[in-house]
Amino acid sequence: MKNKTSFPPQEGETHPSRCPDNSAFKQQKLPAWKPHLTLATVLSTFFLTGAFCLSVGVCLILSANSVREIQIDYSEKCSDCSKLRENTSNWNKECHCFVNFTLKEDILGDVFMYYGLKNFYQNHRRYVVSRSDAQLLGRNVNIQKSSCAPFTTYQNGTPMAPCGAIANSMFNDTIDLFYNINSSVIQVPLLKTGNSWWTDKNVKFHNPKSYNVSSAFAETARPPYWQKPVYLLDEEDEKNNGYVNDDFIIWMRVSAFATFRNLYRRVSRVRQFADGLPAGNYTFHISYNFPVSKFKGRKHVILSTVVWSGGSNPFLGIAYVVSGTVAALTGFVITAIHLKLRKKKTYFQK
């Protein structure tokens, strides 16, 4: 391979210079802050970071431990209903079960009811993408060209509303709470609206424009696993129907783990429950519709309070404690190395 030889320019010839312009920016002469790391600076940074993370972590753990929570697994107690739901031909048959429990102490403050699922994997890619955000915004879209397959249309061409695997597998157990006092039974008032995020209700989910909700979904059909159409999800509150139904919105927010919980209801603080749930005997009345036996799952109900840091989840506090411990140990290691090297240097100078 021949080497290219560069010749000096002849008289009358000019070559453009490849040197950058003589400016402060292109010659990298702009003023800059160049930190000078000293032992005191490094050690103080590590120790202050460790102290901060440890203090925040301890506060978060203590806060999470102060949450009052009761969790009840009703998979075994509703086994008869579970067997009924194993046969898909019984989809239109109702099945109810009752779960009794006792609160030994009052649960004061705002009480939230969650439903929990175990061994239900929502993080599969084909499941996560099986939805149509354009449809959920109330737009007129071609469902067959969306990513909702195979839950797009029926054989007669009727589109599903909502389409997709996420919507089709929506949790549809009905859970009511009753307070047993003396010889009377009082139903605990539960709030079914106001549980979703503001951005969900006002930005991500909208019903098709029409003079009423039922006419907006006139040319659509419910998903195969649903027992009622989308415009009848809440027969008591017309504004809580269609794509803006709180239960539906919360379900469409898929979980990253196989065991998760979703907010279901909030206890209305009225009458006997103005301060929360008093101690005593309670009963869950459950209309069992959501089958879990095929994927070896389990279902449970959670009654919980919240604190300033959220619910009963110590993960964030533990993460802060671990980070603070690592930072503090690093500071001690650097200190030990410095003392050892300084001692060795003093020895050789002598």
Foldseek 3Di string as FASTA:
>chain_A
DDDDDDDDDDPPDDDDDPDDDPDCVSVVVDDDDDDDDDLVNLLVVLQVLLVVLLVVLVVLQVQLVPKDKDKFFCCVQQVVVLVQQVDVVCLQPWDKGKDKDFFPFFRFDKKFKKKKKALAACQDPLQLQQFDLCVQAQDDDQQVPGSNPPFAADPVRQGAAGGHDLLLQADDKDKWKWFCDDPDIHTFDWDQPPQDDPCCLPPRGDHHDDPARCVSCVRHDHTPLDPDGQQVPDVVDSVLGGSNNPSSSQSSPDDNDRIDMTTGIIGDLDDPQVGHGGTHMMMMIMTDNNHDVVSPMTMMMMMMDADPVGHNDSPSSVVSNVSSVVSNVVSVVVVVVVVVVVVVVVVVVD
